[in-house]
Structure formats: C-alpha cells, structure tokens
Amino acid sequence: MHPSRSSLLSIGTVLRRLQEDFPDLTLSKIRFLETEGLITPVRTASGYRQFTAADVDRLRFVLTAQRDRFWPLKVIREALDAKDRGLPIPGDTAVSGRPRVPAASADPDLPDSSALRVCDGPRLTAAELAEAEGASAELIGELANFGLLRPDRDGLFPGESARITAAAARLVAAGIEVRHLRPFRVAAEREVGLIDYAAATAGRPDPAEIAQAGLALHTALVKDELARRP
C-alpha cells in the first residue's frame, strides 16, 4: 500500500527532524546518501524528493551507524540489505550491532511432545461420534471407508476419532471431498513408520519427541508453501 501524500515529508522537514540528534547533518549529506543508494525517496512530477517515515528511520540508521560505529558505507549497505531481508538487529537501540541470522525459535502452533503421547480416550459409536461433532452419519461412513476413521474390533471409534472427524468436517465444508483426504492418513502412516524406525535405534529416543520434530518439519513446510503462493 502506497503512503498517502499527506504522510510524505519534504527533504527540509526530514532535515529538521534529524538535526536534533545529528546537528551536523546537511541537505547535501542527505542527497549524497541518496546518490549512494542508501535511501530512495520518491519524486514528484516536478522532481521534488518526498520521504516516508520508513525513509526517515533508514536515514537515522545510516547516520547512527556512521557516528557511533564508524561504519563505512559498504558495511552500512550490507547491514541495510540484511535488514531489508528481515534479519533482526540485536539490542534495543537503533544501531547496536549488525543484523544477524537468528536461531530458529519453536513454533508456538505446535503441540508439546507430552501432548503426543498416546492416551486413552472414550470409545464412541458412530452415532455418538456424529452427534458429538455435528457430523452426518454419511460423513462418518465415508471417513471410515477411506481409512480416516478406524473402528476397533468392537466397532467403536477410539482415541483421536473425534478430533479426526472435526478436522475432516472443516475440510469437507471448505470443498474438499473425503476421498481426497486419504493422503493425510497415508502421510501419517509413513511418518509413524519413520518414528518407529528411529525409536528402534541404539539410542532409543522418545517416540513422542521424534513425532514432535516431524510435526515441526511438516508445519514449517506447509507454512513455507503457503508463503510461496503468488
């Protein structure tokens, strides 16, 4: 979204705003930094420079880096490039260090590994499952036919059946046919197969910990794909 014309600042206004912190700043210095490609104010039809608030913040970054860190323009340019790519700058001040690649943080959307350990839930009849999740008997039947729901030897639906039904119902409501949900079960089977393989190694890691790492990878890949949509 383009900034409104009323929010744009003239070069003189920018100079006055910054001179309180940088008394030696001149119009020539601002023009020089533009020539060096460190700032890119827009131009009016008449050729006048107009600056956004982001331009002013960028100028402040450049000037602080020069004054407090004695960074040459090459280093500042590299820092700005990193900053433009989303790399954070450590510390709370305008310039307390060069942008750096942060360590990956845990995704707050993921369940803790303790939540992945098998627990006994109620065993429901098909009618109870449909009633509990507001699903039709037809949907329950389709989910069972395509392997999304798996009744036990008594014909009851245990464990995660209610959550499976709830999630599947949302996807069906979004226009996805039940038969197209089958790959979710296949993927889960393959992932658990890998978990069993890893858990059988000499180190015998906790299967829930492995599952949590697998979910982290799956979630990150889905988010990555969503972000790449045109």
Protein backbone atom coordinates (compact mmCIF):
# COMPACT_ATOMS: atom_id res chain seq x y z
CA MET A 1 0.00 0.00 0.00
CA HIS A 2 1.39 3.36 -1.00
CA PRO A 3 1.66 6.06 1.69
CA SER A 4 -0.84 8.92 1.44
CA ARG A 5 0.50 12.15 0.04
CA SER A 6 -0.18 13.89 3.36
CA SER A 7 2.19 11.49 5.14
CA LEU A 8 5.13 12.28 2.83
CA LEU A 9 7.83 14.65 4.03
CA SER A 10 9.97 17.14 2.17
CA ILE A 11 13.74 16.98 2.42
CA GLY A 12 13.68 20.14 4.52
CA THR A 13 11.25 18.61 7.02
CA VAL A 14 13.41 15.48 7.22
CA LEU A 15 16.49 17.61 7.86
CA ARG A 16 14.79 19.48 10.70
CA ARG A 17 13.59 16.22 12.28
CA LEU A 18 17.03 14.67 12.29
CA GLN A 19 19.18 17.67 13.13
CA GLU A 20 18.22 17.46 16.79
CA ASP A 21 20.16 14.19 17.02
CA PHE A 22 22.57 14.90 14.17
CA PRO A 23 23.33 18.65 14.27
CA ASP A 24 25.97 18.36 11.52
CA LEU A 25 23.51 16.91 9.03
CA THR A 26 23.00 18.93 5.87
CA LEU A 27 20.82 18.75 2.80
CA SER A 28 23.91 17.86 0.81
CA LYS A 29 24.58 14.88 3.08
CA ILE A 30 21.04 13.57 2.59
CA ARG A 31 21.37 13.97 -1.19
CA PHE A 32 24.74 12.19 -1.08
CA LEU A 33 23.27 9.23 0.79
CA GLU A 34 20.54 9.06 -1.84
CA THR A 35 23.15 9.09 -4.59
CA GLU A 36 24.88 6.18 -2.85
CA GLY A 37 21.60 4.24 -2.93
CA LEU A 38 21.18 4.07 0.83
CA ILE A 39 17.80 5.84 0.69
CA THR A 40 15.35 6.06 -2.18
CA PRO A 41 12.78 8.82 -1.63
CA VAL A 42 10.00 9.11 -4.17
CA ARG A 43 9.94 12.03 -6.58
CA THR A 44 7.06 14.28 -7.51
CA ALA A 45 6.28 15.12 -11.12
CA SER A 46 8.30 18.29 -10.57
CA GLY A 47 11.30 16.30 -9.28
CA TYR A 48 10.98 17.14 -5.58
CA ARG A 49 12.02 14.46 -3.10
CA GLN A 50 9.37 13.12 -0.75
CA PHE A 51 10.25 10.88 2.18
CA THR A 52 8.20 8.32 4.07
CA ALA A 53 8.54 7.55 7.78
CA ALA A 54 10.45 4.41 6.75
CA ASP A 55 12.89 6.59 4.79
CA VAL A 56 13.49 8.69 7.91
CA ASP A 57 14.09 5.57 10.03
CA ARG A 58 16.51 4.31 7.39
CA LEU A 59 18.38 7.62 7.40
CA ARG A 60 18.58 7.52 11.18
CA PHE A 61 20.05 4.01 10.98
CA VAL A 62 22.70 5.16 8.48
CA LEU A 63 23.64 8.27 10.43
CA THR A 64 23.81 6.40 13.74
CA ALA A 65 25.99 3.70 12.19
CA GLN A 66 28.39 6.33 10.89
CA ARG A 67 28.54 8.36 14.09
CA ASP A 68 28.54 5.63 16.75
CA ARG A 69 30.11 2.71 14.93
CA PHE A 70 32.24 4.43 12.31
CA TRP A 71 30.92 2.00 9.73
CA PRO A 72 31.96 2.65 6.13
CA LEU A 73 29.23 2.89 3.53
CA LYS A 74 29.95 -0.62 2.27
CA VAL A 75 29.24 -2.11 5.70
CA ILE A 76 26.15 0.05 6.12
CA ARG A 77 24.88 -1.05 2.73
CA GLU A 78 25.35 -4.71 3.69
CA ALA A 79 23.58 -4.12 7.01
CA LEU A 80 20.66 -2.40 5.27
CA ASP A 81 20.39 -5.26 2.80
CA ALA A 82 20.24 -7.74 5.66
CA LYS A 83 17.73 -5.54 7.47
CA ASP A 84 15.57 -5.37 4.33
CA ARG A 85 15.58 -9.18 4.22
CA GLY A 86 14.13 -9.33 7.70
CA LEU A 87 17.22 -10.11 9.75
CA PRO A 88 16.88 -8.55 13.21
CA ILE A 89 19.37 -6.17 14.76
CA PRO A 90 20.43 -7.26 18.25
CA GLY A 91 19.69 -4.91 21.11
CA ASP A 92 17.15 -2.18 21.66
CA THR A 93 18.91 0.85 20.22
CA ALA A 94 18.77 2.00 16.61
CA VAL A 95 22.17 0.51 15.89
CA SER A 96 23.68 -1.80 18.46
CA GLY A 97 25.16 -4.28 16.04
CA ARG A 98 24.91 -5.64 12.53
CA PRO A 99 21.83 -7.68 11.57
CA ARG A 100 22.40 -11.35 12.15
CA VAL A 101 20.62 -14.57 11.37
CA PRO A 102 18.51 -15.56 14.38
CA ALA A 103 18.32 -19.09 15.69
CA ALA A 104 15.07 -20.79 14.75
CA SER A 105 12.53 -20.44 17.53
CA ALA A 106 10.00 -23.08 18.46
CA ASP A 107 6.71 -22.75 16.59
CA PRO A 108 4.05 -21.80 19.16
CA ASP A 109 1.44 -23.53 16.99
CA LEU A 110 2.95 -26.96 17.65
CA PRO A 111 1.85 -29.24 20.49
CA ASP A 112 4.37 -30.17 23.15
CA SER A 113 5.75 -33.67 22.84
CA SER A 114 3.85 -34.66 26.00
CA ALA A 115 0.60 -33.99 24.16
CA LEU A 116 1.59 -36.53 21.50
CA ARG A 117 1.93 -39.47 23.87
CA VAL A 118 -0.85 -41.99 23.39
CA CYS A 119 -3.67 -41.56 25.86
CA ASP A 120 -6.91 -43.44 26.26
CA GLY A 121 -9.98 -41.53 25.17
CA PRO A 122 -13.62 -42.53 25.10
CA ARG A 123 -14.70 -45.19 22.63
CA LEU A 124 -17.69 -43.89 20.71
CA THR A 125 -20.29 -45.45 18.50
CA ALA A 126 -20.70 -43.98 15.02
CA ALA A 127 -23.91 -42.27 16.14
CA GLU A 128 -22.23 -40.78 19.23
CA LEU A 129 -19.30 -39.57 17.16
CA ALA A 130 -21.62 -37.93 14.64
CA GLU A 131 -23.66 -36.28 17.39
CA ALA A 132 -20.59 -35.05 19.29
CA GLU A 133 -19.03 -33.40 16.25
CA GLY A 134 -22.19 -32.28 14.48
CA ALA A 135 -21.37 -34.58 11.56
CA SER A 136 -23.70 -36.62 9.43
CA ALA A 137 -23.81 -40.40 9.52
CA GLU A 138 -22.87 -40.27 5.85
CA LEU A 139 -19.66 -38.36 6.63
CA ILE A 140 -18.72 -40.83 9.39
CA GLY A 141 -19.25 -43.67 6.94
CA GLU A 142 -17.13 -42.02 4.24
CA LEU A 143 -14.32 -41.27 6.68
CA ALA A 144 -14.33 -44.92 7.73
CA ASN A 145 -14.46 -46.15 4.13
CA PHE A 146 -11.41 -44.10 3.17
CA GLY A 147 -9.44 -45.07 6.26
CA LEU A 148 -9.56 -41.73 8.05
CA LEU A 149 -11.56 -43.29 10.88
CA ARG A 150 -10.73 -46.78 12.07
CA PRO A 151 -13.15 -48.58 14.37
CA ASP A 152 -11.72 -51.10 16.81
CA ARG A 153 -12.67 -54.79 16.99
CA ASP A 154 -15.92 -53.85 18.74
CA GLY A 155 -16.89 -51.39 16.02
CA LEU A 156 -16.24 -48.41 18.29
CA PHE A 157 -14.19 -45.35 17.44
CA PRO A 158 -11.40 -44.72 19.98
CA GLY A 159 -8.71 -42.16 20.71
CA GLU A 160 -8.41 -39.33 18.23
CA SER A 161 -11.55 -40.20 16.27
CA ALA A 162 -13.44 -37.14 17.47
CA ARG A 163 -10.63 -34.77 16.50
CA ILE A 164 -10.20 -36.51 13.15
CA THR A 165 -13.89 -36.09 12.47
CA ALA A 166 -13.89 -32.43 13.49
CA ALA A 167 -10.90 -31.59 11.30
CA ALA A 168 -12.19 -33.60 8.37
CA ALA A 169 -15.59 -31.90 8.63
CA ARG A 170 -13.91 -28.49 8.34
CA LEU A 171 -12.03 -29.59 5.23
CA VAL A 172 -15.16 -31.04 3.67
CA ALA A 173 -17.01 -27.81 4.42
CA ALA A 174 -14.19 -26.00 2.59
CA GLY A 175 -14.98 -28.01 -0.53
CA ILE A 176 -12.54 -30.95 -0.27
CA GLU A 177 -14.03 -34.37 -0.95
CA VAL A 178 -13.47 -37.07 1.65
CA ARG A 179 -11.65 -39.28 -0.85
CA HIS A 180 -9.07 -36.54 -1.25
CA LEU A 181 -8.34 -36.65 2.49
CA ARG A 182 -6.91 -40.16 2.23
CA PRO A 183 -3.33 -38.84 1.66
CA PHE A 184 -3.40 -37.39 5.19
CA ARG A 185 -3.76 -40.90 6.63
CA VAL A 186 -1.11 -42.27 4.28
CA ALA A 187 1.30 -39.49 5.27
CA ALA A 188 0.64 -40.13 8.97
CA GLU A 189 1.35 -43.84 8.49
CA ARG A 190 4.63 -43.09 6.76
CA GLU A 191 5.67 -40.59 9.41
CA VAL A 192 4.92 -43.03 12.22
CA GLY A 193 6.88 -45.67 10.31
CA LEU A 194 9.90 -43.37 10.37
CA ILE A 195 9.32 -42.70 14.06
CA ASP A 196 9.26 -46.45 14.78
CA TYR A 197 12.45 -46.88 12.78
CA ALA A 198 14.23 -44.12 14.70
CA ALA A 199 12.92 -45.36 18.05
CA ALA A 200 14.36 -48.80 17.32
CA THR A 201 17.92 -47.50 17.01
CA ALA A 202 20.55 -47.94 19.70
CA GLY A 203 19.80 -44.58 21.31
CA ARG A 204 16.11 -45.45 21.64
CA PRO A 205 14.85 -41.84 21.60
CA ASP A 206 11.40 -40.99 22.89
CA PRO A 207 8.90 -41.57 20.03
CA ALA A 208 6.90 -38.53 21.14
CA GLU A 209 9.99 -36.33 20.82
CA ILE A 210 10.61 -37.67 17.32
CA ALA A 211 6.95 -37.12 16.42
CA GLN A 212 7.14 -33.54 17.64
CA ALA A 213 10.16 -32.90 15.41
CA GLY A 214 8.29 -34.46 12.49
CA LEU A 215 5.29 -32.21 13.10
CA ALA A 216 7.63 -29.22 13.29
CA LEU A 217 9.03 -30.11 9.87
CA HIS A 218 5.57 -30.73 8.42
CA THR A 219 4.21 -27.44 9.79
CA ALA A 220 7.21 -25.47 8.56
CA LEU A 221 6.91 -27.00 5.09
CA VAL A 222 3.19 -26.17 4.88
CA LYS A 223 3.81 -22.60 6.01
CA ASP A 224 6.65 -22.32 3.50
CA GLU A 225 4.36 -23.50 0.68
CA LEU A 226 1.61 -21.08 1.71
CA ALA A 227 4.11 -18.22 1.75
CA ARG A 228 5.23 -19.05 -1.80
CA ARG A 229 1.77 -18.73 -3.31
CA PRO A 230 1.56 -15.99 -5.97
